[in-house]
Amino acid sequence: MRKHMSWRMIFLSAGLAVFLMFASYHPALADDYICTGTTGAITVDNVIVPVNATCTLNGTVVEGNIQVENNATLIANQVDVDGNVQAEDAARVDVQANSTVGGNIQIFQSGSSNILSVDIDGDLQFDENSGALRADNNTIGGNLQAFQNTGGLTITNNRIDGDLQCSANNPPPVGEGNIVEGSIEGQCASMSGPSPTPPPPADLPVKIYLPTALK
């Protein structure tokens, strides 16, 4: 009996050692925060919004990336993201309310999206989306690019350090008041902010009105 118990203990010990070794080779699994509800002001690593889920982030600090999967919805308010926000085949992606993103926001082949009042260090990219898209009042360190979107796109009052590039969107994008440091290309060519009012010419006569008693 003692011999049998001894071999059993050896087997269990060996199994535990294999498990610990496997876990040590897959540390990234513990770094992914799976969001399927509402998350408040906590700090997490990478965020994954899984298939068909809805994730709401309120004041959340994300030290990695946010990945929005097939038919999933992300609503992010006042978030601080060190990396990228990436969505492909998502249902909806909203990043708004004075959020900051250290990388890019990339929305590909998805539904609707609202990017509102966000400080983006990299690019904002909309590509082949079918829902209504809005990019309003953002500060963008890179480019704003919109290609082959079919649900309508509004681009208004953004500050863009790079280029504003729009092509093959149907219907064409609409918007105004964008301040673009780089080039404005394609369908967005008329969306820059108004030129400042020029000062009056220096040689215009100056009218001086005197009180009646001095005339």
N, C-alpha and C. Protein backbone atom coordinates (compact mmCIF):
# COMPACT_ATOMS: atom_id res chain seq x y z
N MET A 1 0.83 -1.20 0.00
CA MET A 1 0.00 0.00 0.00
C MET A 1 0.86 1.25 0.00
N ARG A 2 1.89 1.26 0.78
CA ARG A 2 2.76 2.42 0.82
C ARG A 2 3.46 2.63 -0.52
N LYS A 3 3.84 1.50 -1.16
CA LYS A 3 4.49 1.60 -2.45
C LYS A 3 3.55 2.18 -3.49
N HIS A 4 2.27 1.76 -3.45
CA HIS A 4 1.27 2.27 -4.39
C HIS A 4 1.07 3.77 -4.19
N MET A 5 0.96 4.22 -2.97
CA MET A 5 0.79 5.63 -2.68
C MET A 5 2.01 6.43 -3.13
N SER A 6 3.18 5.84 -3.01
CA SER A 6 4.40 6.52 -3.40
C SER A 6 4.41 6.80 -4.91
N TRP A 7 4.03 5.77 -5.70
CA TRP A 7 3.99 5.98 -7.15
C TRP A 7 2.91 6.98 -7.54
N ARG A 8 1.82 6.97 -6.82
CA ARG A 8 0.75 7.94 -7.11
C ARG A 8 1.22 9.37 -6.84
N MET A 9 1.94 9.54 -5.75
CA MET A 9 2.45 10.88 -5.43
C MET A 9 3.45 11.34 -6.48
N ILE A 10 4.29 10.39 -6.95
CA ILE A 10 5.26 10.75 -7.99
C ILE A 10 4.53 11.18 -9.25
N PHE A 11 3.47 10.47 -9.63
CA PHE A 11 2.71 10.79 -10.83
C PHE A 11 2.08 12.18 -10.72
N LEU A 12 1.47 12.46 -9.56
CA LEU A 12 0.84 13.76 -9.37
C LEU A 12 1.87 14.88 -9.39
N SER A 13 3.02 14.63 -8.78
CA SER A 13 4.08 15.63 -8.76
C SER A 13 4.57 15.92 -10.18
N ALA A 14 4.72 14.87 -10.97
CA ALA A 14 5.17 15.06 -12.35
C ALA A 14 4.14 15.84 -13.15
N GLY A 15 2.85 15.52 -12.94
CA GLY A 15 1.80 16.25 -13.65
C GLY A 15 1.78 17.72 -13.28
N LEU A 16 1.97 18.01 -12.00
CA LEU A 16 2.00 19.41 -11.56
C LEU A 16 3.19 20.14 -12.18
N ALA A 17 4.32 19.47 -12.27
CA ALA A 17 5.50 20.09 -12.86
C ALA A 17 5.28 20.40 -14.34
N VAL A 18 4.62 19.50 -15.07
CA VAL A 18 4.33 19.75 -16.48
C VAL A 18 3.38 20.92 -16.63
N PHE A 19 2.35 20.98 -15.76
CA PHE A 19 1.40 22.09 -15.81
C PHE A 19 2.08 23.43 -15.58
N LEU A 20 2.94 23.49 -14.55
CA LEU A 20 3.63 24.75 -14.25
C LEU A 20 4.55 25.14 -15.39
N MET A 21 5.21 24.17 -16.01
CA MET A 21 6.10 24.48 -17.12
C MET A 21 5.30 25.03 -18.30
N PHE A 22 4.12 24.45 -18.60
CA PHE A 22 3.28 24.93 -19.69
C PHE A 22 2.81 26.35 -19.42
N ALA A 23 2.40 26.61 -18.19
CA ALA A 23 1.92 27.95 -17.84
C ALA A 23 3.02 28.98 -17.98
N SER A 24 4.25 28.58 -17.63
CA SER A 24 5.35 29.53 -17.72
C SER A 24 5.67 29.90 -19.16
N TYR A 25 5.33 29.04 -20.13
CA TYR A 25 5.59 29.34 -21.53
C TYR A 25 4.46 30.12 -22.18
N HIS A 26 3.37 30.40 -21.48
CA HIS A 26 2.23 31.13 -22.03
C HIS A 26 1.80 32.25 -21.09
N PRO A 27 2.71 33.15 -20.71
CA PRO A 27 2.34 34.21 -19.78
C PRO A 27 1.37 35.22 -20.37
N ALA A 28 1.32 35.35 -21.73
CA ALA A 28 0.47 36.37 -22.36
C ALA A 28 -1.00 36.10 -22.12
N LEU A 29 -1.37 34.82 -21.89
CA LEU A 29 -2.77 34.50 -21.67
C LEU A 29 -3.32 35.25 -20.47
N ALA A 30 -2.51 35.46 -19.46
CA ALA A 30 -2.98 36.14 -18.25
C ALA A 30 -3.06 37.64 -18.44
N ASP A 31 -2.46 38.18 -19.52
CA ASP A 31 -2.42 39.61 -19.74
C ASP A 31 -3.65 40.13 -20.47
N ASP A 32 -4.48 39.27 -21.04
CA ASP A 32 -5.65 39.67 -21.81
C ASP A 32 -6.86 39.80 -20.90
N TYR A 33 -7.46 40.98 -20.92
CA TYR A 33 -8.67 41.23 -20.14
C TYR A 33 -9.86 41.07 -21.07
N ILE A 34 -10.69 40.07 -20.83
CA ILE A 34 -11.85 39.79 -21.66
C ILE A 34 -13.01 40.63 -21.14
N CYS A 35 -13.47 41.57 -21.96
CA CYS A 35 -14.49 42.51 -21.53
C CYS A 35 -15.83 42.16 -22.16
N THR A 36 -16.81 41.83 -21.32
CA THR A 36 -18.15 41.49 -21.81
C THR A 36 -19.24 42.28 -21.09
N GLY A 37 -18.86 43.29 -20.34
CA GLY A 37 -19.84 44.09 -19.61
C GLY A 37 -19.33 45.51 -19.48
N THR A 38 -19.49 46.07 -18.29
CA THR A 38 -19.04 47.43 -18.02
C THR A 38 -17.85 47.40 -17.07
N THR A 39 -16.79 48.13 -17.44
CA THR A 39 -15.58 48.21 -16.63
C THR A 39 -15.31 49.66 -16.31
N GLY A 40 -14.99 49.94 -15.06
CA GLY A 40 -14.76 51.31 -14.62
C GLY A 40 -13.30 51.69 -14.61
N ALA A 41 -12.95 52.54 -13.66
CA ALA A 41 -11.62 53.16 -13.61
C ALA A 41 -10.60 52.22 -12.97
N ILE A 42 -10.22 51.19 -13.71
CA ILE A 42 -9.18 50.27 -13.28
C ILE A 42 -8.08 50.25 -14.36
N THR A 43 -6.95 49.63 -14.05
CA THR A 43 -5.86 49.50 -15.00
C THR A 43 -5.75 48.04 -15.43
N VAL A 44 -5.75 47.82 -16.75
CA VAL A 44 -5.65 46.46 -17.30
C VAL A 44 -4.57 46.45 -18.38
N ASP A 45 -4.23 45.26 -18.86
CA ASP A 45 -3.26 45.15 -19.94
C ASP A 45 -4.01 45.21 -21.28
N ASN A 46 -3.93 44.18 -22.10
CA ASN A 46 -4.68 44.16 -23.35
C ASN A 46 -6.15 43.89 -23.08
N VAL A 47 -7.03 44.53 -23.85
CA VAL A 47 -8.47 44.30 -23.74
C VAL A 47 -8.95 43.61 -25.00
N ILE A 48 -9.69 42.53 -24.84
CA ILE A 48 -10.32 41.84 -25.95
C ILE A 48 -11.83 41.88 -25.75
N VAL A 49 -12.54 42.38 -26.78
CA VAL A 49 -14.00 42.32 -26.77
C VAL A 49 -14.37 41.13 -27.65
N PRO A 50 -14.83 40.03 -27.07
CA PRO A 50 -15.00 38.80 -27.83
C PRO A 50 -16.21 38.84 -28.77
N VAL A 51 -16.31 37.82 -29.59
CA VAL A 51 -17.36 37.72 -30.59
C VAL A 51 -18.74 37.93 -29.98
N ASN A 52 -19.53 38.82 -30.59
CA ASN A 52 -20.92 39.12 -30.23
C ASN A 52 -21.10 39.82 -28.89
N ALA A 53 -20.03 40.18 -28.21
CA ALA A 53 -20.14 40.80 -26.89
C ALA A 53 -20.22 42.32 -27.00
N THR A 54 -20.67 42.96 -25.91
CA THR A 54 -20.67 44.41 -25.78
C THR A 54 -19.82 44.79 -24.57
N CYS A 55 -18.86 45.67 -24.79
CA CYS A 55 -17.95 46.11 -23.73
C CYS A 55 -18.05 47.62 -23.59
N THR A 56 -18.27 48.09 -22.35
CA THR A 56 -18.27 49.51 -22.06
C THR A 56 -17.13 49.81 -21.09
N LEU A 57 -16.24 50.71 -21.48
CA LEU A 57 -15.13 51.12 -20.63
C LEU A 57 -15.35 52.56 -20.20
N ASN A 58 -15.33 52.80 -18.91
CA ASN A 58 -15.52 54.15 -18.37
C ASN A 58 -14.31 54.52 -17.51
N GLY A 59 -13.44 55.39 -18.05
CA GLY A 59 -12.27 55.81 -17.30
C GLY A 59 -11.22 54.74 -17.12
N THR A 60 -11.21 53.73 -17.95
CA THR A 60 -10.30 52.60 -17.84
C THR A 60 -8.93 52.95 -18.44
N VAL A 61 -7.86 52.52 -17.78
CA VAL A 61 -6.51 52.66 -18.29
C VAL A 61 -6.09 51.33 -18.91
N VAL A 62 -5.73 51.35 -20.19
CA VAL A 62 -5.34 50.14 -20.90
C VAL A 62 -3.86 50.27 -21.26
N GLU A 63 -3.03 49.43 -20.68
CA GLU A 63 -1.59 49.53 -20.90
C GLU A 63 -1.13 48.84 -22.17
N GLY A 64 -2.03 48.18 -22.87
CA GLY A 64 -1.72 47.55 -24.15
C GLY A 64 -2.66 48.02 -25.23
N ASN A 65 -3.25 47.05 -25.95
CA ASN A 65 -4.15 47.34 -27.07
C ASN A 65 -5.58 46.94 -26.74
N ILE A 66 -6.52 47.47 -27.52
CA ILE A 66 -7.92 47.02 -27.47
C ILE A 66 -8.23 46.36 -28.80
N GLN A 67 -8.71 45.11 -28.76
CA GLN A 67 -9.07 44.36 -29.96
C GLN A 67 -10.56 44.06 -29.91
N VAL A 68 -11.31 44.51 -30.93
CA VAL A 68 -12.75 44.30 -31.00
C VAL A 68 -13.01 43.24 -32.07
N GLU A 69 -13.60 42.12 -31.67
CA GLU A 69 -13.74 40.98 -32.57
C GLU A 69 -15.08 40.99 -33.32
N ASN A 70 -15.34 39.92 -34.05
CA ASN A 70 -16.46 39.82 -34.96
C ASN A 70 -17.81 40.12 -34.28
N ASN A 71 -18.56 41.08 -34.85
CA ASN A 71 -19.89 41.46 -34.38
C ASN A 71 -19.92 41.95 -32.94
N ALA A 72 -18.79 42.40 -32.43
CA ALA A 72 -18.71 42.92 -31.06
C ALA A 72 -18.86 44.44 -31.06
N THR A 73 -19.18 44.99 -29.88
CA THR A 73 -19.38 46.42 -29.72
C THR A 73 -18.49 46.95 -28.61
N LEU A 74 -17.80 48.06 -28.89
CA LEU A 74 -16.99 48.75 -27.89
C LEU A 74 -17.51 50.16 -27.72
N ILE A 75 -17.76 50.54 -26.46
CA ILE A 75 -18.10 51.92 -26.11
C ILE A 75 -17.10 52.36 -25.05
N ALA A 76 -16.21 53.29 -25.42
CA ALA A 76 -15.12 53.69 -24.53
C ALA A 76 -15.22 55.18 -24.23
N ASN A 77 -15.35 55.51 -22.96
CA ASN A 77 -15.48 56.89 -22.52
C ASN A 77 -14.33 57.24 -21.57
N GLN A 78 -13.63 58.33 -21.86
CA GLN A 78 -12.55 58.82 -21.01
C GLN A 78 -11.53 57.73 -20.69
N VAL A 79 -11.16 56.96 -21.71
CA VAL A 79 -10.16 55.91 -21.53
C VAL A 79 -8.78 56.43 -21.88
N ASP A 80 -7.76 55.76 -21.35
CA ASP A 80 -6.36 56.07 -21.65
C ASP A 80 -5.72 54.78 -22.15
N VAL A 81 -5.46 54.72 -23.47
CA VAL A 81 -4.95 53.51 -24.10
C VAL A 81 -3.52 53.75 -24.56
N ASP A 82 -2.59 52.95 -24.08
CA ASP A 82 -1.19 53.12 -24.48
C ASP A 82 -0.95 52.67 -25.92
N GLY A 83 -1.66 51.65 -26.36
CA GLY A 83 -1.42 51.08 -27.68
C GLY A 83 -2.48 51.47 -28.69
N ASN A 84 -2.98 50.48 -29.45
CA ASN A 84 -3.92 50.70 -30.54
C ASN A 84 -5.34 50.28 -30.16
N VAL A 85 -6.31 50.84 -30.87
CA VAL A 85 -7.69 50.34 -30.86
C VAL A 85 -7.94 49.78 -32.25
N GLN A 86 -8.20 48.47 -32.33
CA GLN A 86 -8.31 47.80 -33.62
C GLN A 86 -9.60 47.00 -33.67
N ALA A 87 -10.33 47.15 -34.79
CA ALA A 87 -11.58 46.42 -34.97
C ALA A 87 -11.67 45.94 -36.41
N GLU A 88 -12.09 44.70 -36.57
CA GLU A 88 -12.37 44.14 -37.89
C GLU A 88 -13.62 43.28 -37.80
N ASP A 89 -14.59 43.57 -38.66
CA ASP A 89 -15.89 42.89 -38.65
C ASP A 89 -16.65 43.15 -37.35
N ALA A 90 -16.39 44.27 -36.70
CA ALA A 90 -17.11 44.61 -35.47
C ALA A 90 -18.46 45.22 -35.80
N ALA A 91 -19.35 45.21 -34.82
CA ALA A 91 -20.67 45.82 -35.01
C ALA A 91 -20.61 47.33 -34.82
N ARG A 92 -19.88 47.78 -33.81
CA ARG A 92 -19.83 49.22 -33.49
C ARG A 92 -18.60 49.50 -32.65
N VAL A 93 -17.98 50.66 -32.92
CA VAL A 93 -16.82 51.10 -32.13
C VAL A 93 -16.97 52.58 -31.85
N ASP A 94 -17.15 52.94 -30.59
CA ASP A 94 -17.23 54.34 -30.18
C ASP A 94 -16.10 54.61 -29.18
N VAL A 95 -15.26 55.59 -29.49
CA VAL A 95 -14.24 56.07 -28.56
C VAL A 95 -14.47 57.57 -28.45
N GLN A 96 -14.68 58.06 -27.22
CA GLN A 96 -15.16 59.44 -27.09
C GLN A 96 -14.85 60.00 -25.71
N ALA A 97 -15.36 61.22 -25.50
CA ALA A 97 -15.34 61.87 -24.19
C ALA A 97 -13.93 62.07 -23.64
N ASN A 98 -13.09 62.76 -24.44
CA ASN A 98 -11.75 63.12 -23.96
C ASN A 98 -10.88 61.90 -23.64
N SER A 99 -10.95 60.90 -24.49
CA SER A 99 -10.08 59.73 -24.37
C SER A 99 -8.73 60.03 -25.03
N THR A 100 -7.71 59.22 -24.69
CA THR A 100 -6.41 59.32 -25.32
C THR A 100 -5.98 57.94 -25.81
N VAL A 101 -5.37 57.92 -27.00
CA VAL A 101 -4.89 56.67 -27.60
C VAL A 101 -3.45 56.90 -28.04
N GLY A 102 -2.52 56.13 -27.50
CA GLY A 102 -1.11 56.32 -27.80
C GLY A 102 -0.68 55.80 -29.16
N GLY A 103 -1.47 54.91 -29.75
CA GLY A 103 -1.16 54.37 -31.07
C GLY A 103 -2.16 54.82 -32.11
N ASN A 104 -2.70 53.85 -32.86
CA ASN A 104 -3.66 54.12 -33.93
C ASN A 104 -5.06 53.66 -33.53
N ILE A 105 -6.07 54.25 -34.18
CA ILE A 105 -7.43 53.70 -34.17
C ILE A 105 -7.71 53.21 -35.58
N GLN A 106 -7.97 51.90 -35.71
CA GLN A 106 -8.15 51.28 -37.02
C GLN A 106 -9.47 50.51 -37.03
N ILE A 107 -10.41 50.99 -37.85
CA ILE A 107 -11.73 50.38 -37.95
C ILE A 107 -11.88 49.85 -39.37
N PHE A 108 -11.89 48.52 -39.52
CA PHE A 108 -11.91 47.88 -40.83
C PHE A 108 -13.12 46.97 -40.97
N GLN A 109 -13.84 47.11 -42.10
CA GLN A 109 -14.92 46.19 -42.48
C GLN A 109 -15.91 45.99 -41.34
N SER A 110 -16.26 47.05 -40.68
CA SER A 110 -17.14 46.99 -39.51
C SER A 110 -18.42 47.78 -39.78
N GLY A 111 -19.21 47.99 -38.72
CA GLY A 111 -20.44 48.75 -38.83
C GLY A 111 -20.21 50.21 -38.55
N SER A 112 -20.94 50.78 -37.59
CA SER A 112 -20.85 52.20 -37.30
C SER A 112 -19.71 52.49 -36.33
N SER A 113 -19.27 53.77 -36.33
CA SER A 113 -18.20 54.17 -35.43
C SER A 113 -18.28 55.67 -35.18
N ASN A 114 -18.07 56.06 -33.93
CA ASN A 114 -18.00 57.46 -33.54
C ASN A 114 -16.68 57.68 -32.80
N ILE A 115 -15.82 58.49 -33.37
CA ILE A 115 -14.56 58.86 -32.73
C ILE A 115 -14.67 60.35 -32.42
N LEU A 116 -14.90 60.69 -31.15
CA LEU A 116 -15.29 62.05 -30.77
C LEU A 116 -14.41 62.55 -29.63
N SER A 117 -13.74 63.68 -29.84
CA SER A 117 -12.94 64.34 -28.81
C SER A 117 -11.87 63.40 -28.23
N VAL A 118 -11.08 62.82 -29.11
CA VAL A 118 -10.03 61.87 -28.73
C VAL A 118 -8.67 62.43 -29.15
N ASP A 119 -7.69 62.27 -28.29
CA ASP A 119 -6.30 62.63 -28.59
C ASP A 119 -5.60 61.36 -29.07
N ILE A 120 -5.28 61.31 -30.37
CA ILE A 120 -4.71 60.12 -31.00
C ILE A 120 -3.29 60.44 -31.44
N ASP A 121 -2.31 59.72 -30.90
CA ASP A 121 -0.92 59.97 -31.29
C ASP A 121 -0.62 59.50 -32.71
N GLY A 122 -1.25 58.43 -33.14
CA GLY A 122 -1.00 57.86 -34.46
C GLY A 122 -2.05 58.25 -35.48
N ASP A 123 -2.50 57.26 -36.27
CA ASP A 123 -3.47 57.47 -37.35
C ASP A 123 -4.88 57.10 -36.91
N LEU A 124 -5.86 57.71 -37.59
CA LEU A 124 -7.26 57.28 -37.52
C LEU A 124 -7.62 56.76 -38.90
N GLN A 125 -8.01 55.47 -38.97
CA GLN A 125 -8.25 54.82 -40.26
C GLN A 125 -9.63 54.17 -40.29
N PHE A 126 -10.40 54.52 -41.33
CA PHE A 126 -11.68 53.88 -41.62
C PHE A 126 -11.56 53.20 -42.98
N ASP A 127 -11.82 51.90 -43.05
CA ASP A 127 -11.62 51.19 -44.31
C ASP A 127 -12.72 50.14 -44.50
N GLU A 128 -13.53 50.33 -45.57
CA GLU A 128 -14.55 49.37 -45.99
C GLU A 128 -15.60 49.11 -44.92
N ASN A 129 -16.02 50.14 -44.22
CA ASN A 129 -17.07 50.00 -43.21
C ASN A 129 -18.44 50.27 -43.83
N SER A 130 -19.47 49.63 -43.29
CA SER A 130 -20.81 49.73 -43.87
C SER A 130 -21.75 50.64 -43.09
N GLY A 131 -21.41 51.02 -41.87
CA GLY A 131 -22.27 51.86 -41.05
C GLY A 131 -21.87 53.32 -41.08
N ALA A 132 -22.66 54.15 -40.40
CA ALA A 132 -22.38 55.58 -40.33
C ALA A 132 -21.13 55.83 -39.48
N LEU A 133 -20.26 56.72 -39.95
CA LEU A 133 -18.99 57.02 -39.29
C LEU A 133 -18.91 58.51 -38.99
N ARG A 134 -18.36 58.83 -37.81
CA ARG A 134 -18.13 60.23 -37.44
C ARG A 134 -16.75 60.38 -36.83
N ALA A 135 -16.04 61.42 -37.25
CA ALA A 135 -14.77 61.81 -36.64
C ALA A 135 -14.85 63.30 -36.36
N ASP A 136 -15.10 63.66 -35.10
CA ASP A 136 -15.34 65.06 -34.74
C ASP A 136 -14.45 65.48 -33.57
N ASN A 137 -13.85 66.68 -33.69
CA ASN A 137 -13.14 67.32 -32.59
C ASN A 137 -11.99 66.49 -32.02
N ASN A 138 -11.31 65.77 -32.89
CA ASN A 138 -10.16 64.97 -32.46
C ASN A 138 -8.85 65.69 -32.75
N THR A 139 -7.83 65.35 -31.97
CA THR A 139 -6.45 65.77 -32.25
C THR A 139 -5.68 64.54 -32.69
N ILE A 140 -5.18 64.57 -33.93
CA ILE A 140 -4.59 63.38 -34.55
C ILE A 140 -3.14 63.67 -34.91
N GLY A 141 -2.21 62.94 -34.29
CA GLY A 141 -0.80 63.16 -34.54
C GLY A 141 -0.34 62.66 -35.88
N GLY A 142 -1.03 61.67 -36.45
CA GLY A 142 -0.68 61.13 -37.76
C GLY A 142 -1.65 61.56 -38.83
N ASN A 143 -2.19 60.60 -39.58
CA ASN A 143 -3.10 60.86 -40.69
C ASN A 143 -4.52 60.45 -40.35
N LEU A 144 -5.48 61.06 -41.04
CA LEU A 144 -6.85 60.56 -41.05
C LEU A 144 -7.10 60.03 -42.45
N GLN A 145 -7.41 58.73 -42.55
CA GLN A 145 -7.59 58.07 -43.83
C GLN A 145 -8.93 57.36 -43.86
N ALA A 146 -9.68 57.57 -44.95
CA ALA A 146 -11.00 56.96 -45.10
C ALA A 146 -11.13 56.42 -46.52
N PHE A 147 -11.26 55.11 -46.67
CA PHE A 147 -11.29 54.48 -47.98
C PHE A 147 -12.45 53.48 -48.07
N GLN A 148 -13.25 53.58 -49.12
CA GLN A 148 -14.24 52.58 -49.49
C GLN A 148 -15.28 52.32 -48.40
N ASN A 149 -15.71 53.36 -47.72
CA ASN A 149 -16.79 53.23 -46.74
C ASN A 149 -18.12 53.53 -47.40
N THR A 150 -19.19 52.85 -46.97
CA THR A 150 -20.47 52.94 -47.67
C THR A 150 -21.64 53.39 -46.80
N GLY A 151 -21.41 53.73 -45.54
CA GLY A 151 -22.52 54.09 -44.67
C GLY A 151 -22.64 55.58 -44.39
N GLY A 152 -21.79 56.39 -45.00
CA GLY A 152 -21.77 57.83 -44.74
C GLY A 152 -20.70 58.17 -43.71
N LEU A 153 -19.99 59.28 -43.96
CA LEU A 153 -18.87 59.67 -43.11
C LEU A 153 -18.88 61.18 -42.91
N THR A 154 -18.79 61.61 -41.65
CA THR A 154 -18.71 63.02 -41.31
C THR A 154 -17.38 63.29 -40.63
N ILE A 155 -16.64 64.29 -41.14
CA ILE A 155 -15.32 64.65 -40.60
C ILE A 155 -15.35 66.14 -40.30
N THR A 156 -15.36 66.49 -39.00
CA THR A 156 -15.59 67.88 -38.62
C THR A 156 -14.66 68.30 -37.49
N ASN A 157 -14.05 69.48 -37.64
CA ASN A 157 -13.32 70.16 -36.56
C ASN A 157 -12.21 69.32 -35.94
N ASN A 158 -11.47 68.60 -36.78
CA ASN A 158 -10.33 67.82 -36.30
C ASN A 158 -9.03 68.60 -36.53
N ARG A 159 -8.08 68.39 -35.64
CA ARG A 159 -6.73 68.94 -35.81
C ARG A 159 -5.84 67.78 -36.21
N ILE A 160 -5.30 67.82 -37.45
CA ILE A 160 -4.57 66.69 -38.02
C ILE A 160 -3.16 67.13 -38.36
N ASP A 161 -2.17 66.53 -37.71
CA ASP A 161 -0.78 66.90 -37.97
C ASP A 161 -0.27 66.31 -39.27
N GLY A 162 -0.83 65.20 -39.71
CA GLY A 162 -0.43 64.56 -40.96
C GLY A 162 -1.34 64.95 -42.11
N ASP A 163 -1.75 63.94 -42.89
CA ASP A 163 -2.58 64.15 -44.07
C ASP A 163 -4.04 63.76 -43.81
N LEU A 164 -4.94 64.36 -44.59
CA LEU A 164 -6.35 63.97 -44.62
C LEU A 164 -6.61 63.37 -45.99
N GLN A 165 -6.87 62.06 -46.03
CA GLN A 165 -6.96 61.34 -47.30
C GLN A 165 -8.28 60.58 -47.37
N CYS A 166 -9.07 60.82 -48.42
CA CYS A 166 -10.36 60.16 -48.58
C CYS A 166 -10.50 59.69 -50.02
N SER A 167 -10.90 58.44 -50.22
CA SER A 167 -11.01 57.91 -51.57
C SER A 167 -12.05 56.80 -51.63
N ALA A 168 -12.86 56.80 -52.71
CA ALA A 168 -13.78 55.71 -53.04
C ALA A 168 -14.84 55.49 -51.97
N ASN A 169 -15.20 56.53 -51.21
CA ASN A 169 -16.29 56.42 -50.26
C ASN A 169 -17.60 56.75 -50.97
N ASN A 170 -18.64 55.98 -50.70
CA ASN A 170 -19.93 56.19 -51.34
C ASN A 170 -21.06 56.00 -50.32
N PRO A 171 -21.70 57.12 -49.91
CA PRO A 171 -21.60 58.48 -50.44
C PRO A 171 -20.30 59.16 -50.03
N PRO A 172 -19.95 60.26 -50.72
CA PRO A 172 -18.73 60.98 -50.36
C PRO A 172 -18.82 61.55 -48.95
N PRO A 173 -17.70 61.70 -48.27
CA PRO A 173 -17.71 62.27 -46.91
C PRO A 173 -18.17 63.73 -46.93
N VAL A 174 -18.66 64.17 -45.79
CA VAL A 174 -19.03 65.57 -45.59
C VAL A 174 -18.31 66.08 -44.34
N GLY A 175 -18.16 67.40 -44.24
CA GLY A 175 -17.54 67.97 -43.06
C GLY A 175 -16.89 69.29 -43.35
N GLU A 176 -16.37 69.92 -42.30
CA GLU A 176 -15.72 71.22 -42.44
C GLU A 176 -14.90 71.50 -41.18
N GLY A 177 -14.15 72.61 -41.22
CA GLY A 177 -13.46 73.09 -40.04
C GLY A 177 -12.27 72.29 -39.60
N ASN A 178 -11.72 71.44 -40.48
CA ASN A 178 -10.55 70.64 -40.11
C ASN A 178 -9.27 71.42 -40.37
N ILE A 179 -8.36 71.40 -39.41
CA ILE A 179 -7.06 72.06 -39.56
C ILE A 179 -6.03 70.97 -39.84
N VAL A 180 -5.46 71.00 -41.04
CA VAL A 180 -4.60 69.92 -41.53
C VAL A 180 -3.22 70.49 -41.83
N GLU A 181 -2.20 69.96 -41.15
CA GLU A 181 -0.84 70.41 -41.38
C GLU A 181 -0.25 69.83 -42.66
N GLY A 182 -0.67 68.62 -43.02
CA GLY A 182 -0.16 67.99 -44.23
C GLY A 182 -1.03 68.28 -45.43
N SER A 183 -1.15 67.31 -46.34
CA SER A 183 -1.94 67.49 -47.55
C SER A 183 -3.38 67.02 -47.33
N ILE A 184 -4.30 67.56 -48.14
CA ILE A 184 -5.71 67.15 -48.13
C ILE A 184 -6.00 66.58 -49.50
N GLU A 185 -6.41 65.31 -49.54
CA GLU A 185 -6.45 64.61 -50.82
C GLU A 185 -7.81 63.97 -51.05
N GLY A 186 -8.16 63.84 -52.34
CA GLY A 186 -9.33 63.10 -52.76
C GLY A 186 -10.63 63.76 -52.37
N GLN A 187 -11.56 62.98 -51.87
CA GLN A 187 -12.91 63.44 -51.57
C GLN A 187 -12.97 64.43 -50.41
N CYS A 188 -11.92 64.55 -49.64
CA CYS A 188 -11.91 65.46 -48.50
C CYS A 188 -11.24 66.80 -48.81
N ALA A 189 -11.03 67.09 -50.10
CA ALA A 189 -10.24 68.27 -50.48
C ALA A 189 -10.86 69.58 -50.02
N SER A 190 -12.17 69.61 -49.78
CA SER A 190 -12.83 70.87 -49.41
C SER A 190 -13.14 70.97 -47.92
N MET A 191 -12.55 70.12 -47.10
CA MET A 191 -12.94 70.04 -45.69
C MET A 191 -12.02 70.78 -44.74
N SER A 192 -11.08 71.56 -45.26
CA SER A 192 -10.18 72.29 -44.36
C SER A 192 -10.91 73.48 -43.75
N GLY A 193 -10.33 74.00 -42.66
CA GLY A 193 -10.93 75.14 -41.98
C GLY A 193 -10.83 76.40 -42.80
N PRO A 194 -11.67 77.39 -42.51
CA PRO A 194 -11.63 78.65 -43.26
C PRO A 194 -10.33 79.39 -43.04
N SER A 195 -9.88 80.10 -44.05
CA SER A 195 -8.67 80.91 -43.92
C SER A 195 -8.94 82.08 -42.99
N PRO A 196 -7.94 82.51 -42.21
CA PRO A 196 -8.16 83.65 -41.33
C PRO A 196 -8.46 84.91 -42.12
N THR A 197 -9.29 85.79 -41.56
CA THR A 197 -9.66 87.03 -42.24
C THR A 197 -8.42 87.91 -42.37
N PRO A 198 -8.09 88.36 -43.60
CA PRO A 198 -6.88 89.18 -43.76
C PRO A 198 -7.08 90.56 -43.16
N PRO A 199 -5.98 91.18 -42.69
CA PRO A 199 -6.10 92.54 -42.16
C PRO A 199 -6.40 93.52 -43.27
N PRO A 200 -7.01 94.68 -42.99
CA PRO A 200 -7.29 95.67 -44.04
C PRO A 200 -6.01 96.25 -44.59
N PRO A 201 -6.00 96.67 -45.85
CA PRO A 201 -4.79 97.28 -46.43
C PRO A 201 -4.33 98.48 -45.63
N ALA A 202 -3.01 98.66 -45.56
CA ALA A 202 -2.46 99.73 -44.72
C ALA A 202 -2.75 101.12 -45.26
N ASP A 203 -3.06 101.26 -46.59
CA ASP A 203 -3.25 102.58 -47.17
C ASP A 203 -4.69 103.07 -47.15
N LEU A 204 -5.58 102.37 -46.46
CA LEU A 204 -6.96 102.85 -46.35
C LEU A 204 -6.98 104.14 -45.53
N PRO A 205 -7.80 105.13 -45.94
CA PRO A 205 -7.90 106.37 -45.14
C PRO A 205 -8.50 106.10 -43.78
N VAL A 206 -8.03 106.83 -42.79
CA VAL A 206 -8.54 106.70 -41.43
C VAL A 206 -9.45 107.87 -41.14
N LYS A 207 -10.67 107.61 -40.77
CA LYS A 207 -11.64 108.66 -40.47
C LYS A 207 -11.56 109.02 -38.99
N ILE A 208 -11.47 110.33 -38.71
CA ILE A 208 -11.44 110.82 -37.33
C ILE A 208 -12.67 111.68 -37.11
N TYR A 209 -13.45 111.33 -36.11
CA TYR A 209 -14.66 112.08 -35.80
C TYR A 209 -14.38 112.96 -34.60
N LEU A 210 -14.54 114.30 -34.80
CA LEU A 210 -14.31 115.27 -33.72
C LEU A 210 -15.62 115.69 -33.11
N PRO A 211 -15.60 116.05 -31.84
CA PRO A 211 -16.80 116.61 -31.23
C PRO A 211 -17.22 117.87 -31.96
N THR A 212 -18.51 118.18 -31.90
CA THR A 212 -19.07 119.34 -32.62
C THR A 212 -18.41 120.63 -32.22
N ALA A 213 -18.05 120.81 -30.94
CA ALA A 213 -17.47 122.05 -30.45
C ALA A 213 -16.10 122.34 -31.04
N LEU A 214 -15.40 121.31 -31.53
CA LEU A 214 -14.06 121.49 -32.08
C LEU A 214 -14.05 121.71 -33.56
N LYS A 215 -15.20 121.60 -34.23
CA LYS A 215 -15.26 121.79 -35.67
C LYS A 215 -15.18 123.27 -36.02
